[in-house]
Amino acid sequence: MGGKNTKYDGVFFTAVKTTGIYCKPSCSAKKPKRENVIFYDTKKETAKNGYRPCMVCKP
């Protein structure tokens, strides 16, 4: 979601409201609009809220 820097991978995850997908911070997929992004601390938390893993970055 904005670069290939892997420094924050595993620290938090970004979920996109409009797609129902969550990603690593370093995901190379198209960058979403900021107003559509929610941040989560864990993969478990994202799944609990109905998001599925990104097929590009495979978090």
N, C-alpha and C. Protein backbone atom coordinates (compact mmCIF):
# COMPACT_ATOMS: atom_id res chain seq x y z
N MET A 1 0.82 -1.18 0.00
CA MET A 1 0.00 0.00 0.00
C MET A 1 0.87 1.25 0.00
N GLY A 2 1.75 1.31 -0.86
CA GLY A 2 2.51 2.53 -0.93
C GLY A 2 4.00 2.35 -0.93
N GLY A 3 4.50 1.23 -1.36
CA GLY A 3 5.93 1.04 -1.42
C GLY A 3 6.31 -0.38 -1.09
N LYS A 4 7.54 -0.71 -1.37
CA LYS A 4 7.98 -2.08 -1.14
C LYS A 4 8.81 -2.22 0.13
N ASN A 5 8.81 -1.19 0.97
CA ASN A 5 9.53 -1.24 2.23
C ASN A 5 8.82 -2.24 3.15
N THR A 6 9.51 -3.29 3.54
CA THR A 6 8.91 -4.34 4.35
C THR A 6 9.06 -4.11 5.86
N LYS A 7 9.55 -2.96 6.24
CA LYS A 7 9.81 -2.65 7.66
C LYS A 7 8.58 -2.88 8.55
N TYR A 8 7.39 -2.58 8.06
CA TYR A 8 6.19 -2.68 8.89
C TYR A 8 5.35 -3.93 8.62
N ASP A 9 5.82 -4.81 7.75
CA ASP A 9 5.10 -6.06 7.51
C ASP A 9 5.03 -6.87 8.80
N GLY A 10 3.84 -7.28 9.18
CA GLY A 10 3.65 -8.03 10.42
C GLY A 10 3.39 -7.15 11.62
N VAL A 11 3.69 -5.85 11.50
CA VAL A 11 3.45 -4.90 12.59
C VAL A 11 1.98 -4.46 12.56
N PHE A 12 1.46 -4.22 11.35
CA PHE A 12 0.05 -3.90 11.17
C PHE A 12 -0.37 -4.33 9.78
N PHE A 13 -1.68 -4.33 9.54
CA PHE A 13 -2.24 -4.71 8.26
C PHE A 13 -3.22 -3.63 7.81
N THR A 14 -3.33 -3.44 6.51
CA THR A 14 -4.25 -2.45 5.97
C THR A 14 -5.42 -3.17 5.31
N ALA A 15 -6.62 -2.76 5.63
CA ALA A 15 -7.82 -3.34 5.04
C ALA A 15 -8.53 -2.27 4.23
N VAL A 16 -9.07 -2.68 3.09
CA VAL A 16 -9.75 -1.74 2.19
C VAL A 16 -11.26 -2.00 2.24
N LYS A 17 -12.00 -1.02 2.72
CA LYS A 17 -13.45 -1.14 2.90
C LYS A 17 -14.16 -1.51 1.60
N THR A 18 -13.75 -0.93 0.49
CA THR A 18 -14.46 -1.11 -0.78
C THR A 18 -14.22 -2.47 -1.43
N THR A 19 -13.13 -3.15 -1.07
CA THR A 19 -12.82 -4.44 -1.69
C THR A 19 -12.98 -5.61 -0.74
N GLY A 20 -12.94 -5.35 0.57
CA GLY A 20 -13.01 -6.43 1.55
C GLY A 20 -11.72 -7.22 1.66
N ILE A 21 -10.61 -6.60 1.24
CA ILE A 21 -9.31 -7.26 1.22
C ILE A 21 -8.36 -6.59 2.20
N TYR A 22 -7.48 -7.39 2.83
CA TYR A 22 -6.43 -6.81 3.66
C TYR A 22 -5.06 -7.18 3.11
N CYS A 23 -4.09 -6.29 3.35
CA CYS A 23 -2.75 -6.41 2.78
C CYS A 23 -1.66 -6.14 3.80
N LYS A 24 -0.44 -6.50 3.41
CA LYS A 24 0.75 -6.07 4.14
C LYS A 24 0.97 -4.60 3.78
N PRO A 25 1.63 -3.83 4.62
CA PRO A 25 1.92 -2.43 4.27
C PRO A 25 2.75 -2.29 2.99
N SER A 26 3.54 -3.31 2.67
CA SER A 26 4.42 -3.24 1.50
C SER A 26 3.77 -3.74 0.21
N CYS A 27 2.49 -4.02 0.22
CA CYS A 27 1.81 -4.59 -0.95
C CYS A 27 2.00 -3.74 -2.20
N SER A 28 2.23 -4.43 -3.32
CA SER A 28 2.45 -3.72 -4.59
C SER A 28 1.17 -3.54 -5.40
N ALA A 29 0.04 -3.98 -4.86
CA ALA A 29 -1.24 -3.78 -5.55
C ALA A 29 -1.57 -2.29 -5.62
N LYS A 30 -2.55 -1.96 -6.45
CA LYS A 30 -2.95 -0.56 -6.62
C LYS A 30 -3.27 0.07 -5.27
N LYS A 31 -2.75 1.26 -5.04
CA LYS A 31 -2.95 1.97 -3.77
C LYS A 31 -4.39 2.48 -3.67
N PRO A 32 -5.09 2.14 -2.57
CA PRO A 32 -6.47 2.60 -2.39
C PRO A 32 -6.53 4.04 -1.90
N LYS A 33 -7.71 4.63 -1.99
CA LYS A 33 -7.91 5.97 -1.42
C LYS A 33 -7.82 5.85 0.10
N ARG A 34 -7.20 6.82 0.72
CA ARG A 34 -6.98 6.79 2.18
C ARG A 34 -8.29 6.66 2.96
N GLU A 35 -9.37 7.28 2.47
CA GLU A 35 -10.64 7.22 3.21
C GLU A 35 -11.26 5.82 3.19
N ASN A 36 -10.74 4.93 2.35
CA ASN A 36 -11.25 3.55 2.28
C ASN A 36 -10.40 2.56 3.07
N VAL A 37 -9.37 3.04 3.76
CA VAL A 37 -8.43 2.16 4.45
C VAL A 37 -8.65 2.16 5.97
N ILE A 38 -8.60 0.96 6.54
CA ILE A 38 -8.67 0.77 7.98
C ILE A 38 -7.40 0.00 8.37
N PHE A 39 -6.84 0.31 9.53
CA PHE A 39 -5.63 -0.36 9.99
C PHE A 39 -5.96 -1.33 11.12
N TYR A 40 -5.34 -2.51 11.06
CA TYR A 40 -5.51 -3.53 12.09
C TYR A 40 -4.15 -4.00 12.58
N ASP A 41 -4.11 -4.47 13.83
CA ASP A 41 -2.86 -4.95 14.42
C ASP A 41 -2.54 -6.39 14.04
N THR A 42 -3.57 -7.21 13.79
CA THR A 42 -3.33 -8.63 13.51
C THR A 42 -4.17 -9.12 12.33
N LYS A 43 -3.71 -10.22 11.73
CA LYS A 43 -4.48 -10.86 10.66
C LYS A 43 -5.79 -11.41 11.21
N LYS A 44 -5.74 -11.93 12.43
CA LYS A 44 -6.93 -12.48 13.07
C LYS A 44 -8.02 -11.41 13.20
N GLU A 45 -7.59 -10.21 13.56
CA GLU A 45 -8.52 -9.09 13.72
C GLU A 45 -9.16 -8.72 12.37
N THR A 46 -8.38 -8.73 11.30
CA THR A 46 -8.93 -8.39 9.99
C THR A 46 -9.94 -9.44 9.54
N ALA A 47 -9.61 -10.71 9.74
CA ALA A 47 -10.52 -11.79 9.35
C ALA A 47 -11.82 -11.72 10.17
N LYS A 48 -11.69 -11.42 11.45
CA LYS A 48 -12.86 -11.31 12.33
C LYS A 48 -13.81 -10.22 11.85
N ASN A 49 -13.25 -9.20 11.19
CA ASN A 49 -14.06 -8.10 10.68
C ASN A 49 -14.48 -8.29 9.22
N GLY A 50 -14.29 -9.50 8.69
CA GLY A 50 -14.81 -9.84 7.38
C GLY A 50 -13.90 -9.60 6.19
N TYR A 51 -12.63 -9.32 6.42
CA TYR A 51 -11.70 -9.09 5.31
C TYR A 51 -10.97 -10.37 4.94
N ARG A 52 -10.64 -10.51 3.65
CA ARG A 52 -9.90 -11.68 3.19
C ARG A 52 -8.50 -11.26 2.76
N PRO A 53 -7.54 -12.18 2.76
CA PRO A 53 -6.16 -11.84 2.40
C PRO A 53 -6.01 -11.46 0.93
N CYS A 54 -5.12 -10.54 0.68
CA CYS A 54 -4.78 -10.10 -0.68
C CYS A 54 -4.07 -11.23 -1.42
N MET A 55 -4.39 -11.39 -2.70
CA MET A 55 -3.75 -12.42 -3.51
C MET A 55 -2.40 -11.95 -4.06
N VAL A 56 -2.12 -10.66 -3.95
CA VAL A 56 -0.85 -10.11 -4.45
C VAL A 56 0.24 -10.27 -3.40
N CYS A 57 0.01 -9.77 -2.20
CA CYS A 57 1.06 -9.79 -1.16
C CYS A 57 0.97 -11.00 -0.24
N LYS A 58 -0.16 -11.70 -0.26
CA LYS A 58 -0.36 -12.91 0.56
C LYS A 58 0.05 -12.73 2.02
N PRO A 59 -0.64 -11.85 2.75
CA PRO A 59 -0.27 -11.58 4.15
C PRO A 59 -0.48 -12.80 5.05
